[in-house]
Amino acid sequence: AGKGKFVKDVQQMLSRLGDIAIPHTVYELVQLLDFLLPGDPAACFDLFAHALTVSGQKYGFQGESLGVDVLVRVVSRSLADYDYIFRDTARRDKLIACLDIFIEAGWPNALRLLYRLPDSLR
């Protein structure tokens, strides 16, 4: 419950960090969102996707090996524990956008993750 309240309280700040962050900051932000995921899975995944698709892509986070590792970890955990959040079409599109960024960067782990997606998310 505390994690959910924290996410709600700082959601705008975390979103703003996702707008302007350099790769190291995106990595730290994504680590924080991974920790907070149980508190509000939908909001945390949306913030995660926002950080990766806005500043992460702009500043080359997809080129970092730590970036693909954290992407795989967060997406795998979200799919395993909070699959219900992907009933939302917009969130599914964000998931695919995140995977596309890392697949285009040439990371085989991201491609394997795409192949493991349930048919309902493809």
PDB file of N, CA and C in Angstrom:
ATOM      1  N   ALA A   1       0.826  -1.199   0.000  1.00  0.00           N
ATOM      2  CA  ALA A   1       0.000   0.000   0.000  1.00  0.00           C
ATOM      3  C   ALA A   1       0.867   1.258   0.000  1.00  0.00           C
ATOM      4  N   GLY A   2       1.991   1.189   0.728  1.00  0.00           N
ATOM      5  CA  GLY A   2       2.889   2.338   0.796  1.00  0.00           C
ATOM      6  C   GLY A   2       3.522   2.655  -0.548  1.00  0.00           C
ATOM      7  N   LYS A   3       3.863   1.615  -1.299  1.00  0.00           N
ATOM      8  CA  LYS A   3       4.455   1.829  -2.619  1.00  0.00           C
ATOM      9  C   LYS A   3       3.436   2.478  -3.560  1.00  0.00           C
ATOM     10  N   GLY A   4       2.200   2.034  -3.483  1.00  0.00           N
ATOM     11  CA  GLY A   4       1.155   2.606  -4.323  1.00  0.00           C
ATOM     12  C   GLY A   4       0.923   4.071  -4.021  1.00  0.00           C
ATOM     13  N   LYS A   5       0.904   4.423  -2.739  1.00  0.00           N
ATOM     14  CA  LYS A   5       0.725   5.817  -2.348  1.00  0.00           C
ATOM     15  C   LYS A   5       1.910   6.655  -2.812  1.00  0.00           C
ATOM     16  N   PHE A   6       3.121   6.112  -2.679  1.00  0.00           N
ATOM     17  CA  PHE A   6       4.310   6.840  -3.113  1.00  0.00           C
ATOM     18  C   PHE A   6       4.248   7.105  -4.615  1.00  0.00           C
ATOM     19  N   VAL A   7       3.881   6.081  -5.383  1.00  0.00           N
ATOM     20  CA  VAL A   7       3.788   6.252  -6.836  1.00  0.00           C
ATOM     21  C   VAL A   7       2.783   7.355  -7.169  1.00  0.00           C
ATOM     22  N   LYS A   8       1.646   7.329  -6.522  1.00  0.00           N
ATOM     23  CA  LYS A   8       0.625   8.348  -6.769  1.00  0.00           C
ATOM     24  C   LYS A   8       1.148   9.744  -6.428  1.00  0.00           C
ATOM     25  N   ASP A   9       1.874   9.853  -5.309  1.00  0.00           N
ATOM     26  CA  ASP A   9       2.376  11.145  -4.861  1.00  0.00           C
ATOM     27  C   ASP A   9       3.454  11.731  -5.774  1.00  0.00           C
ATOM     28  N   VAL A  10       4.285  10.881  -6.372  1.00  0.00           N
ATOM     29  CA  VAL A  10       5.423  11.381  -7.158  1.00  0.00           C
ATOM     30  C   VAL A  10       5.305  11.056  -8.649  1.00  0.00           C
ATOM     31  N   GLN A  11       4.141  10.650  -9.087  1.00  0.00           N
ATOM     32  CA  GLN A  11       3.964  10.229 -10.477  1.00  0.00           C
ATOM     33  C   GLN A  11       4.353  11.326 -11.473  1.00  0.00           C
ATOM     34  N   GLN A  12       3.964  12.564 -11.211  1.00  0.00           N
ATOM     35  CA  GLN A  12       4.309  13.656 -12.130  1.00  0.00           C
ATOM     36  C   GLN A  12       5.815  13.876 -12.188  1.00  0.00           C
ATOM     37  N   MET A  13       6.477  13.773 -11.061  1.00  0.00           N
ATOM     38  CA  MET A  13       7.919  13.955 -11.028  1.00  0.00           C
ATOM     39  C   MET A  13       8.624  12.831 -11.794  1.00  0.00           C
ATOM     40  N   LEU A  14       8.161  11.603 -11.608  1.00  0.00           N
ATOM     41  CA  LEU A  14       8.752  10.476 -12.313  1.00  0.00           C
ATOM     42  C   LEU A  14       8.512  10.585 -13.812  1.00  0.00           C
ATOM     43  N   SER A  15       7.365  11.072 -14.187  1.00  0.00           N
ATOM     44  CA  SER A  15       7.075  11.273 -15.602  1.00  0.00           C
ATOM     45  C   SER A  15       8.002  12.336 -16.193  1.00  0.00           C
ATOM     46  N   ARG A  16       8.205  13.398 -15.452  1.00  0.00           N
ATOM     47  CA  ARG A  16       9.104  14.469 -15.924  1.00  0.00           C
ATOM     48  C   ARG A  16      10.529  13.957 -16.067  1.00  0.00           C
ATOM     49  N   LEU A  17      10.972  13.121 -15.143  1.00  0.00           N
ATOM     50  CA  LEU A  17      12.298  12.513 -15.279  1.00  0.00           C
ATOM     51  C   LEU A  17      12.376  11.689 -16.560  1.00  0.00           C
ATOM     52  N   GLY A  18      11.299  11.012 -16.877  1.00  0.00           N
ATOM     53  CA  GLY A  18      11.252  10.236 -18.115  1.00  0.00           C
ATOM     54  C   GLY A  18      11.291  11.088 -19.357  1.00  0.00           C
ATOM     55  N   ASP A  19      10.951  12.366 -19.233  1.00  0.00           N
ATOM     56  CA  ASP A  19      11.000  13.293 -20.371  1.00  0.00           C
ATOM     57  C   ASP A  19      12.412  13.745 -20.690  1.00  0.00           C
ATOM     58  N   ILE A  20      13.251  13.869 -19.679  1.00  0.00           N
ATOM     59  CA  ILE A  20      14.527  14.582 -19.866  1.00  0.00           C
ATOM     60  C   ILE A  20      15.769  13.790 -19.484  1.00  0.00           C
ATOM     61  N   ALA A  21      15.639  12.563 -19.087  1.00  0.00           N
ATOM     62  CA  ALA A  21      16.746  11.829 -18.478  1.00  0.00           C
ATOM     63  C   ALA A  21      17.772  11.323 -19.494  1.00  0.00           C
ATOM     64  N   ILE A  22      19.027  11.336 -19.069  1.00  0.00           N
ATOM     65  CA  ILE A  22      20.105  10.713 -19.831  1.00  0.00           C
ATOM     66  C   ILE A  22      20.108   9.217 -19.495  1.00  0.00           C
ATOM     67  N   PRO A  23      20.832   8.386 -20.266  1.00  0.00           N
ATOM     68  CA  PRO A  23      20.752   6.931 -20.042  1.00  0.00           C
ATOM     69  C   PRO A  23      20.985   6.468 -18.610  1.00  0.00           C
ATOM     70  N   HIS A  24      21.951   7.023 -17.910  1.00  0.00           N
ATOM     71  CA  HIS A  24      22.199   6.590 -16.533  1.00  0.00           C
ATOM     72  C   HIS A  24      20.987   6.888 -15.644  1.00  0.00           C
ATOM     73  N   THR A  25      20.395   8.054 -15.825  1.00  0.00           N
ATOM     74  CA  THR A  25      19.224   8.426 -15.042  1.00  0.00           C
ATOM     75  C   THR A  25      18.024   7.570 -15.414  1.00  0.00           C
ATOM     76  N   VAL A  26      17.879   7.255 -16.706  1.00  0.00           N
ATOM     77  CA  VAL A  26      16.793   6.365 -17.129  1.00  0.00           C
ATOM     78  C   VAL A  26      16.965   5.012 -16.457  1.00  0.00           C
ATOM     79  N   TYR A  27      18.196   4.523 -16.393  1.00  0.00           N
ATOM     80  CA  TYR A  27      18.455   3.240 -15.746  1.00  0.00           C
ATOM     81  C   TYR A  27      18.035   3.281 -14.277  1.00  0.00           C
ATOM     82  N   GLU A  28      18.414   4.321 -13.573  1.00  0.00           N
ATOM     83  CA  GLU A  28      18.057   4.449 -12.162  1.00  0.00           C
ATOM     84  C   GLU A  28      16.539   4.590 -11.996  1.00  0.00           C
ATOM     85  N   LEU A  29      15.908   5.337 -12.883  1.00  0.00           N
ATOM     86  CA  LEU A  29      14.457   5.507 -12.833  1.00  0.00           C
ATOM     87  C   LEU A  29      13.758   4.173 -13.060  1.00  0.00           C
ATOM     88  N   VAL A  30      14.228   3.408 -14.015  1.00  0.00           N
ATOM     89  CA  VAL A  30      13.622   2.113 -14.311  1.00  0.00           C
ATOM     90  C   VAL A  30      13.832   1.143 -13.146  1.00  0.00           C
ATOM     91  N   GLN A  31      14.988   1.204 -12.510  1.00  0.00           N
ATOM     92  CA  GLN A  31      15.232   0.382 -11.325  1.00  0.00           C
ATOM     93  C   GLN A  31      14.225   0.730 -10.223  1.00  0.00           C
ATOM     94  N   LEU A  32      13.997   2.012 -10.017  1.00  0.00           N
ATOM     95  CA  LEU A  32      13.031   2.461  -9.021  1.00  0.00           C
ATOM     96  C   LEU A  32      11.623   1.981  -9.372  1.00  0.00           C
ATOM     97  N   LEU A  33      11.257   2.101 -10.639  1.00  0.00           N
ATOM     98  CA  LEU A  33       9.928   1.657 -11.058  1.00  0.00           C
ATOM     99  C   LEU A  33       9.764   0.149 -10.913  1.00  0.00           C
ATOM    100  N   ASP A  34      10.823  -0.593 -11.135  1.00  0.00           N
ATOM    101  CA  ASP A  34      10.784  -2.039 -10.927  1.00  0.00           C
ATOM    102  C   ASP A  34      10.500  -2.340  -9.451  1.00  0.00           C
ATOM    103  N   PHE A  35      11.129  -1.607  -8.554  1.00  0.00           N
ATOM    104  CA  PHE A  35      10.903  -1.776  -7.120  1.00  0.00           C
ATOM    105  C   PHE A  35       9.470  -1.407  -6.734  1.00  0.00           C
ATOM    106  N   LEU A  36       8.944  -0.351  -7.346  1.00  0.00           N
ATOM    107  CA  LEU A  36       7.609   0.145  -7.010  1.00  0.00           C
ATOM    108  C   LEU A  36       6.487  -0.602  -7.726  1.00  0.00           C
ATOM    109  N   LEU A  37       6.811  -1.446  -8.666  1.00  0.00           N
ATOM    110  CA  LEU A  37       5.824  -2.136  -9.493  1.00  0.00           C
ATOM    111  C   LEU A  37       4.677  -2.776  -8.714  1.00  0.00           C
ATOM    112  N   PRO A  38       4.923  -3.450  -7.594  1.00  0.00           N
ATOM    113  CA  PRO A  38       3.805  -4.056  -6.858  1.00  0.00           C
ATOM    114  C   PRO A  38       2.802  -3.039  -6.311  1.00  0.00           C
ATOM    115  N   GLY A  39       3.231  -1.815  -6.087  1.00  0.00           N
ATOM    116  CA  GLY A  39       2.341  -0.802  -5.523  1.00  0.00           C
ATOM    117  C   GLY A  39       1.284  -0.321  -6.491  1.00  0.00           C
ATOM    118  N   ASP A  40       1.650  -0.146  -7.736  1.00  0.00           N
ATOM    119  CA  ASP A  40       0.715   0.294  -8.777  1.00  0.00           C
ATOM    120  C   ASP A  40       1.272  -0.164 -10.121  1.00  0.00           C
ATOM    121  N   PRO A  41       1.021  -1.416 -10.482  1.00  0.00           N
ATOM    122  CA  PRO A  41       1.622  -1.977 -11.699  1.00  0.00           C
ATOM    123  C   PRO A  41       1.308  -1.187 -12.968  1.00  0.00           C
ATOM    124  N   ALA A  42       0.092  -0.733 -13.117  1.00  0.00           N
ATOM    125  CA  ALA A  42      -0.279  -0.010 -14.334  1.00  0.00           C
ATOM    126  C   ALA A  42       0.479   1.312 -14.446  1.00  0.00           C
ATOM    127  N   ALA A  43       0.481   2.090 -13.387  1.00  0.00           N
ATOM    128  CA  ALA A  43       1.169   3.385 -13.412  1.00  0.00           C
ATOM    129  C   ALA A  43       2.671   3.204 -13.580  1.00  0.00           C
ATOM    130  N   CYS A  44       3.240   2.233 -12.891  1.00  0.00           N
ATOM    131  CA  CYS A  44       4.682   1.996 -12.999  1.00  0.00           C
ATOM    132  C   CYS A  44       5.059   1.550 -14.404  1.00  0.00           C
ATOM    133  N   PHE A  45       4.253   0.675 -15.002  1.00  0.00           N
ATOM    134  CA  PHE A  45       4.579   0.256 -16.363  1.00  0.00           C
ATOM    135  C   PHE A  45       4.434   1.422 -17.335  1.00  0.00           C
ATOM    136  N   ASP A  46       3.418   2.241 -17.155  1.00  0.00           N
ATOM    137  CA  ASP A  46       3.255   3.409 -18.028  1.00  0.00           C
ATOM    138  C   ASP A  46       4.445   4.359 -17.903  1.00  0.00           C
ATOM    139  N   LEU A  47       4.912   4.591 -16.691  1.00  0.00           N
ATOM    140  CA  LEU A  47       6.083   5.448 -16.477  1.00  0.00           C
ATOM    141  C   LEU A  47       7.336   4.809 -17.070  1.00  0.00           C
ATOM    142  N   PHE A  48       7.458   3.511 -16.929  1.00  0.00           N
ATOM    143  CA  PHE A  48       8.571   2.757 -17.503  1.00  0.00           C
ATOM    144  C   PHE A  48       8.583   2.920 -19.024  1.00  0.00           C
ATOM    145  N   ALA A  49       7.442   2.683 -19.649  1.00  0.00           N
ATOM    146  CA  ALA A  49       7.341   2.797 -21.112  1.00  0.00           C
ATOM    147  C   ALA A  49       7.611   4.230 -21.563  1.00  0.00           C
ATOM    148  N   HIS A  50       7.110   5.181 -20.800  1.00  0.00           N
ATOM    149  CA  HIS A  50       7.329   6.598 -21.130  1.00  0.00           C
ATOM    150  C   HIS A  50       8.821   6.926 -21.109  1.00  0.00           C
ATOM    151  N   ALA A  51       9.509   6.501 -20.082  1.00  0.00           N
ATOM    152  CA  ALA A  51      10.948   6.784 -19.970  1.00  0.00           C
ATOM    153  C   ALA A  51      11.723   6.147 -21.120  1.00  0.00           C
ATOM    154  N   LEU A  52      11.373   4.924 -21.488  1.00  0.00           N
ATOM    155  CA  LEU A  52      12.093   4.243 -22.563  1.00  0.00           C
ATOM    156  C   LEU A  52      11.808   4.841 -23.924  1.00  0.00           C
ATOM    157  N   THR A  53      10.565   5.220 -24.169  1.00  0.00           N
ATOM    158  CA  THR A  53      10.207   5.688 -25.504  1.00  0.00           C
ATOM    159  C   THR A  53      10.465   7.174 -25.724  1.00  0.00           C
ATOM    160  N   VAL A  54      10.617   7.935 -24.660  1.00  0.00           N
ATOM    161  CA  VAL A  54      10.873   9.371 -24.828  1.00  0.00           C
ATOM    162  C   VAL A  54      12.369   9.646 -24.681  1.00  0.00           C
ATOM    163  N   SER A  55      12.841   9.851 -23.486  1.00  0.00           N
ATOM    164  CA  SER A  55      14.255  10.213 -23.330  1.00  0.00           C
ATOM    165  C   SER A  55      15.183   9.025 -23.532  1.00  0.00           C
ATOM    166  N   GLY A  56      14.738   7.831 -23.163  1.00  0.00           N
ATOM    167  CA  GLY A  56      15.590   6.662 -23.351  1.00  0.00           C
ATOM    168  C   GLY A  56      15.967   6.480 -24.806  1.00  0.00           C
ATOM    169  N   GLN A  57      14.994   6.548 -25.678  1.00  0.00           N
ATOM    170  CA  GLN A  57      15.259   6.394 -27.107  1.00  0.00           C
ATOM    171  C   GLN A  57      16.047   7.582 -27.646  1.00  0.00           C
ATOM    172  N   LYS A  58      15.706   8.761 -27.193  1.00  0.00           N
ATOM    173  CA  LYS A  58      16.367   9.979 -27.674  1.00  0.00           C
ATOM    174  C   LYS A  58      17.866   9.988 -27.346  1.00  0.00           C
ATOM    175  N   TYR A  59      18.213   9.525 -26.146  1.00  0.00           N
ATOM    176  CA  TYR A  59      19.599   9.592 -25.705  1.00  0.00           C
ATOM    177  C   TYR A  59      20.345   8.263 -25.801  1.00  0.00           C
ATOM    178  N   GLY A  60      19.755   7.253 -26.444  1.00  0.00           N
ATOM    179  CA  GLY A  60      20.468   6.017 -26.736  1.00  0.00           C
ATOM    180  C   GLY A  60      20.483   4.970 -25.651  1.00  0.00           C
ATOM    181  N   PHE A  61      19.497   4.982 -24.763  1.00  0.00           N
ATOM    182  CA  PHE A  61      19.445   3.976 -23.701  1.00  0.00           C
ATOM    183  C   PHE A  61      19.365   2.573 -24.280  1.00  0.00           C
ATOM    184  N   GLN A  62      18.753   2.423 -25.450  1.00  0.00           N
ATOM    185  CA  GLN A  62      18.613   1.117 -26.073  1.00  0.00           C
ATOM    186  C   GLN A  62      19.961   0.540 -26.505  1.00  0.00           C
ATOM    187  N   GLY A  63      20.985   1.342 -26.533  1.00  0.00           N
ATOM    188  CA  GLY A  63      22.320   0.863 -26.880  1.00  0.00           C
ATOM    189  C   GLY A  63      23.101   0.325 -25.695  1.00  0.00           C
ATOM    190  N   GLU A  64      22.558   0.449 -24.502  1.00  0.00           N
ATOM    191  CA  GLU A  64      23.237   0.011 -23.281  1.00  0.00           C
ATOM    192  C   GLU A  64      22.822  -1.418 -22.925  1.00  0.00           C
ATOM    193  N   SER A  65      23.804  -2.252 -22.603  1.00  0.00           N
ATOM    194  CA  SER A  65      23.482  -3.640 -22.247  1.00  0.00           C
ATOM    195  C   SER A  65      22.655  -3.716 -20.964  1.00  0.00           C
ATOM    196  N   LEU A  66      22.885  -2.800 -20.036  1.00  0.00           N
ATOM    197  CA  LEU A  66      22.066  -2.772 -18.826  1.00  0.00           C
ATOM    198  C   LEU A  66      20.629  -2.398 -19.159  1.00  0.00           C
ATOM    199  N   GLY A  67      20.456  -1.637 -20.213  1.00  0.00           N
ATOM    200  CA  GLY A  67      19.116  -1.239 -20.626  1.00  0.00           C
ATOM    201  C   GLY A  67      18.275  -2.419 -21.050  1.00  0.00           C
ATOM    202  N   VAL A  68      18.841  -3.295 -21.872  1.00  0.00           N
ATOM    203  CA  VAL A  68      18.071  -4.450 -22.322  1.00  0.00           C
ATOM    204  C   VAL A  68      17.823  -5.415 -21.169  1.00  0.00           C
ATOM    205  N   ASP A  69      18.775  -5.535 -20.263  1.00  0.00           N
ATOM    206  CA  ASP A  69      18.579  -6.421 -19.109  1.00  0.00           C
ATOM    207  C   ASP A  69      17.407  -5.965 -18.246  1.00  0.00           C
ATOM    208  N   VAL A  70      17.336  -4.671 -17.989  1.00  0.00           N
ATOM    209  CA  VAL A  70      16.256  -4.161 -17.150  1.00  0.00           C
ATOM    210  C   VAL A  70      14.926  -4.210 -17.902  1.00  0.00           C
ATOM    211  N   LEU A  71      14.956  -3.991 -19.214  1.00  0.00           N
ATOM    212  CA  LEU A  71      13.736  -4.124 -20.011  1.00  0.00           C
ATOM    213  C   LEU A  71      13.184  -5.537 -19.896  1.00  0.00           C
ATOM    214  N   VAL A  72      14.030  -6.520 -20.086  1.00  0.00           N
ATOM    215  CA  VAL A  72      13.594  -7.913 -20.022  1.00  0.00           C
ATOM    216  C   VAL A  72      13.066  -8.250 -18.633  1.00  0.00           C
ATOM    217  N   ARG A  73      13.751  -7.776 -17.602  1.00  0.00           N
ATOM    218  CA  ARG A  73      13.323  -8.076 -16.238  1.00  0.00           C
ATOM    219  C   ARG A  73      11.962  -7.460 -15.923  1.00  0.00           C
ATOM    220  N   VAL A  74      11.787  -6.183 -16.233  1.00  0.00           N
ATOM    221  CA  VAL A  74      10.531  -5.499 -15.908  1.00  0.00           C
ATOM    222  C   VAL A  74       9.382  -6.045 -16.743  1.00  0.00           C
ATOM    223  N   VAL A  75       9.597  -6.255 -18.025  1.00  0.00           N
ATOM    224  CA  VAL A  75       8.526  -6.762 -18.881  1.00  0.00           C
ATOM    225  C   VAL A  75       8.164  -8.189 -18.477  1.00  0.00           C
ATOM    226  N   SER A  76       9.165  -9.018 -18.227  1.00  0.00           N
ATOM    227  CA  SER A  76       8.884 -10.401 -17.818  1.00  0.00           C
ATOM    228  C   SER A  76       8.103 -10.434 -16.512  1.00  0.00           C
ATOM    229  N   ARG A  77       8.512  -9.615 -15.562  1.00  0.00           N
ATOM    230  CA  ARG A  77       7.823  -9.569 -14.267  1.00  0.00           C
ATOM    231  C   ARG A  77       6.400  -9.040 -14.425  1.00  0.00           C
ATOM    232  N   SER A  78       6.236  -8.018 -15.253  1.00  0.00           N
ATOM    233  CA  SER A  78       4.904  -7.456 -15.470  1.00  0.00           C
ATOM    234  C   SER A  78       3.982  -8.478 -16.120  1.00  0.00           C
ATOM    235  N   LEU A  79       4.503  -9.206 -17.093  1.00  0.00           N
ATOM    236  CA  LEU A  79       3.690 -10.221 -17.761  1.00  0.00           C
ATOM    237  C   LEU A  79       3.350 -11.384 -16.837  1.00  0.00           C
ATOM    238  N   ALA A  80       4.287 -11.753 -16.000  1.00  0.00           N
ATOM    239  CA  ALA A  80       4.064 -12.897 -15.112  1.00  0.00           C
ATOM    240  C   ALA A  80       3.143 -12.558 -13.946  1.00  0.00           C
ATOM    241  N   ASP A  81       3.353 -11.416 -13.327  1.00  0.00           N
ATOM    242  CA  ASP A  81       2.631 -11.092 -12.097  1.00  0.00           C
ATOM    243  C   ASP A  81       1.441 -10.153 -12.288  1.00  0.00           C
ATOM    244  N   TYR A  82       1.476  -9.340 -13.331  1.00  0.00           N
ATOM    245  CA  TYR A  82       0.451  -8.306 -13.494  1.00  0.00           C
ATOM    246  C   TYR A  82      -0.088  -8.296 -14.924  1.00  0.00           C
ATOM    247  N   ASP A  83      -0.313  -9.460 -15.492  1.00  0.00           N
ATOM    248  CA  ASP A  83      -0.741  -9.543 -16.889  1.00  0.00           C
ATOM    249  C   ASP A  83      -2.055  -8.811 -17.149  1.00  0.00           C
ATOM    250  N   TYR A  84      -2.865  -8.632 -16.127  1.00  0.00           N
ATOM    251  CA  TYR A  84      -4.150  -7.952 -16.293  1.00  0.00           C
ATOM    252  C   TYR A  84      -3.993  -6.510 -16.739  1.00  0.00           C
ATOM    253  N   ILE A  85      -2.850  -5.885 -16.478  1.00  0.00           N
ATOM    254  CA  ILE A  85      -2.679  -4.482 -16.893  1.00  0.00           C
ATOM    255  C   ILE A  85      -2.610  -4.362 -18.412  1.00  0.00           C
ATOM    256  N   PHE A  86      -2.314  -5.458 -19.094  1.00  0.00           N
ATOM    257  CA  PHE A  86      -2.189  -5.411 -20.547  1.00  0.00           C
ATOM    258  C   PHE A  86      -3.510  -5.662 -21.264  1.00  0.00           C
ATOM    259  N   ARG A  87      -4.599  -5.689 -20.521  1.00  0.00           N
ATOM    260  CA  ARG A  87      -5.922  -5.741 -21.159  1.00  0.00           C
ATOM    261  C   ARG A  87      -6.223  -4.414 -21.841  1.00  0.00           C
ATOM    262  N   ASP A  88      -5.539  -3.379 -21.387  1.00  0.00           N
ATOM    263  CA  ASP A  88      -5.672  -2.050 -21.966  1.00  0.00           C
ATOM    264  C   ASP A  88      -4.882  -1.989 -23.277  1.00  0.00           C
ATOM    265  N   THR A  89      -5.556  -1.644 -24.371  1.00  0.00           N
ATOM    266  CA  THR A  89      -4.926  -1.625 -25.696  1.00  0.00           C
ATOM    267  C   THR A  89      -3.762  -0.649 -25.763  1.00  0.00           C
ATOM    268  N   ALA A  90      -3.901   0.520 -25.184  1.00  0.00           N
ATOM    269  CA  ALA A  90      -2.830   1.521 -25.209  1.00  0.00           C
ATOM    270  C   ALA A  90      -1.584   1.007 -24.493  1.00  0.00           C
ATOM    271  N   ARG A  91      -1.771   0.300 -23.395  1.00  0.00           N
ATOM    272  CA  ARG A  91      -0.634  -0.239 -22.653  1.00  0.00           C
ATOM    273  C   ARG A  91       0.048  -1.357 -23.442  1.00  0.00           C
ATOM    274  N   ARG A  92      -0.740  -2.169 -24.130  1.00  0.00           N
ATOM    275  CA  ARG A  92      -0.148  -3.204 -24.993  1.00  0.00           C
ATOM    276  C   ARG A  92       0.689  -2.560 -26.090  1.00  0.00           C
ATOM    277  N   ASP A  93       0.183  -1.471 -26.648  1.00  0.00           N
ATOM    278  CA  ASP A  93       0.934  -0.758 -27.684  1.00  0.00           C
ATOM    279  C   ASP A  93       2.239  -0.192 -27.136  1.00  0.00           C
ATOM    280  N   LYS A  94       2.208   0.293 -25.899  1.00  0.00           N
ATOM    281  CA  LYS A  94       3.436   0.799 -25.261  1.00  0.00           C
ATOM    282  C   LYS A  94       4.439  -0.331 -25.065  1.00  0.00           C
ATOM    283  N   LEU A  95       3.949  -1.494 -24.665  1.00  0.00           N
ATOM    284  CA  LEU A  95       4.816  -2.660 -24.492  1.00  0.00           C
ATOM    285  C   LEU A  95       5.511  -3.001 -25.802  1.00  0.00           C
ATOM    286  N   ILE A  96       4.756  -3.062 -26.872  1.00  0.00           N
ATOM    287  CA  ILE A  96       5.329  -3.392 -28.185  1.00  0.00           C
ATOM    288  C   ILE A  96       6.299  -2.306 -28.629  1.00  0.00           C
ATOM    289  N   ALA A  97       5.996  -1.048 -28.359  1.00  0.00           N
ATOM    290  CA  ALA A  97       6.895   0.049 -28.720  1.00  0.00           C
ATOM    291  C   ALA A  97       8.235  -0.085 -27.999  1.00  0.00           C
ATOM    292  N   CYS A  98       8.194  -0.432 -26.718  1.00  0.00           N
ATOM    293  CA  CYS A  98       9.427  -0.624 -25.946  1.00  0.00           C
ATOM    294  C   CYS A  98      10.249  -1.773 -26.528  1.00  0.00           C
ATOM    295  N   LEU A  99       9.587  -2.874 -26.815  1.00  0.00           N
ATOM    296  CA  LEU A  99      10.292  -4.019 -27.384  1.00  0.00           C
ATOM    297  C   LEU A  99      10.877  -3.679 -28.747  1.00  0.00           C
ATOM    298  N   ASP A 100      10.127  -2.960 -29.566  1.00  0.00           N
ATOM    299  CA  ASP A 100      10.606  -2.578 -30.899  1.00  0.00           C
ATOM    300  C   ASP A 100      11.890  -1.755 -30.827  1.00  0.00           C
ATOM    301  N   ILE A 101      11.956  -0.846 -29.876  1.00  0.00           N
ATOM    302  CA  ILE A 101      13.150  -0.004 -29.729  1.00  0.00           C
ATOM    303  C   ILE A 101      14.386  -0.870 -29.501  1.00  0.00           C
ATOM    304  N   PHE A 102      14.273  -1.852 -28.626  1.00  0.00           N
ATOM    305  CA  PHE A 102      15.420  -2.690 -28.306  1.00  0.00           C
ATOM    306  C   PHE A 102      15.691  -3.735 -29.381  1.00  0.00           C
ATOM    307  N   ILE A 103      14.660  -4.178 -30.066  1.00  0.00           N
ATOM    308  CA  ILE A 103      14.860  -5.117 -31.173  1.00  0.00           C
ATOM    309  C   ILE A 103      15.573  -4.417 -32.316  1.00  0.00           C
ATOM    310  N   GLU A 104      15.165  -3.196 -32.630  1.00  0.00           N
ATOM    311  CA  GLU A 104      15.825  -2.426 -33.685  1.00  0.00           C
ATOM    312  C   GLU A 104      17.277  -2.124 -33.343  1.00  0.00           C
ATOM    313  N   ALA A 105      17.589  -2.060 -32.052  1.00  0.00           N
ATOM    314  CA  ALA A 105      18.970  -1.836 -31.621  1.00  0.00           C
ATOM    315  C   ALA A 105      19.800  -3.124 -31.716  1.00  0.00           C
ATOM    316  N   GLY A 106      19.127  -4.238 -32.006  1.00  0.00           N
ATOM    317  CA  GLY A 106      19.848  -5.488 -32.233  1.00  0.00           C
ATOM    318  C   GLY A 106      20.023  -6.390 -31.033  1.00  0.00           C
ATOM    319  N   TRP A 107      19.200  -6.243 -30.005  1.00  0.00           N
ATOM    320  CA  TRP A 107      19.339  -7.063 -28.806  1.00  0.00           C
ATOM    321  C   TRP A 107      18.519  -8.343 -28.934  1.00  0.00           C
ATOM    322  N   PRO A 108      19.180  -9.498 -28.977  1.00  0.00           N
ATOM    323  CA  PRO A 108      18.446 -10.770 -29.107  1.00  0.00           C
ATOM    324  C   PRO A 108      17.546 -11.073 -27.906  1.00  0.00           C
ATOM    325  N   ASN A 109      17.896 -10.599 -26.717  1.00  0.00           N
ATOM    326  CA  ASN A 109      17.039 -10.835 -25.540  1.00  0.00           C
ATOM    327  C   ASN A 109      15.662 -10.197 -25.714  1.00  0.00           C
ATOM    328  N   ALA A 110      15.630  -9.031 -26.330  1.00  0.00           N
ATOM    329  CA  ALA A 110      14.354  -8.362 -26.574  1.00  0.00           C
ATOM    330  C   ALA A 110      13.537  -9.127 -27.612  1.00  0.00           C
ATOM    331  N   LEU A 111      14.213  -9.650 -28.616  1.00  0.00           N
ATOM    332  CA  LEU A 111      13.520 -10.438 -29.639  1.00  0.00           C
ATOM    333  C   LEU A 111      12.959 -11.728 -29.044  1.00  0.00           C
ATOM    334  N   ARG A 112      13.733 -12.387 -28.180  1.00  0.00           N
ATOM    335  CA  ARG A 112      13.239 -13.597 -27.513  1.00  0.00           C
ATOM    336  C   ARG A 112      12.021 -13.282 -26.644  1.00  0.00           C
ATOM    337  N   LEU A 113      12.063 -12.148 -25.981  1.00  0.00           N
ATOM    338  CA  LEU A 113      10.931 -11.746 -25.153  1.00  0.00           C
ATOM    339  C   LEU A 113       9.686 -11.527 -26.012  1.00  0.00           C
ATOM    340  N   LEU A 114       9.860 -10.938 -27.183  1.00  0.00           N
ATOM    341  CA  LEU A 114       8.734 -10.734 -28.091  1.00  0.00           C
ATOM    342  C   LEU A 114       8.133 -12.071 -28.513  1.00  0.00           C
ATOM    343  N   TYR A 115       8.967 -13.047 -28.783  1.00  0.00           N
ATOM    344  CA  TYR A 115       8.469 -14.365 -29.189  1.00  0.00           C
ATOM    345  C   TYR A 115       7.749 -15.086 -28.056  1.00  0.00           C
ATOM    346  N   ARG A 116       8.095 -14.766 -26.811  1.00  0.00           N
ATOM    347  CA  ARG A 116       7.456 -15.399 -25.659  1.00  0.00           C
ATOM    348  C   ARG A 116       6.154 -14.722 -25.233  1.00  0.00           C
ATOM    349  N   LEU A 117       5.810 -13.607 -25.877  1.00  0.00           N
ATOM    350  CA  LEU A 117       4.570 -12.918 -25.512  1.00  0.00           C
ATOM    351  C   LEU A 117       3.373 -13.817 -25.768  1.00  0.00           C
ATOM    352  N   PRO A 118       2.401 -13.771 -24.898  1.00  0.00           N
ATOM    353  CA  PRO A 118       1.165 -14.524 -25.156  1.00  0.00           C
ATOM    354  C   PRO A 118       0.512 -14.007 -26.439  1.00  0.00           C
ATOM    355  N   ASP A 119      -0.177 -14.878 -27.127  1.00  0.00           N
ATOM    356  CA  ASP A 119      -0.822 -14.503 -28.386  1.00  0.00           C
ATOM    357  C   ASP A 119      -1.769 -13.324 -28.223  1.00  0.00           C
ATOM    358  N   SER A 120      -2.371 -13.190 -27.073  1.00  0.00           N
ATOM    359  CA  SER A 120      -3.320 -12.100 -26.847  1.00  0.00           C
ATOM    360  C   SER A 120      -2.640 -10.727 -26.857  1.00  0.00           C
ATOM    361  N   LEU A 121      -1.317 -10.678 -26.695  1.00  0.00           N
ATOM    362  CA  LEU A 121      -0.604  -9.400 -26.664  1.00  0.00           C
ATOM    363  C   LEU A 121       0.065  -9.071 -27.990  1.00  0.00           C
ATOM    364  N   ARG A 122       0.064  -9.954 -28.925  1.00  0.00           N
ATOM    365  CA  ARG A 122       0.750  -9.695 -30.197  1.00  0.00           C
ATOM    366  C   ARG A 122      -0.107  -8.923 -31.142  1.00  0.00           C
TER     367      ARG A 122
END
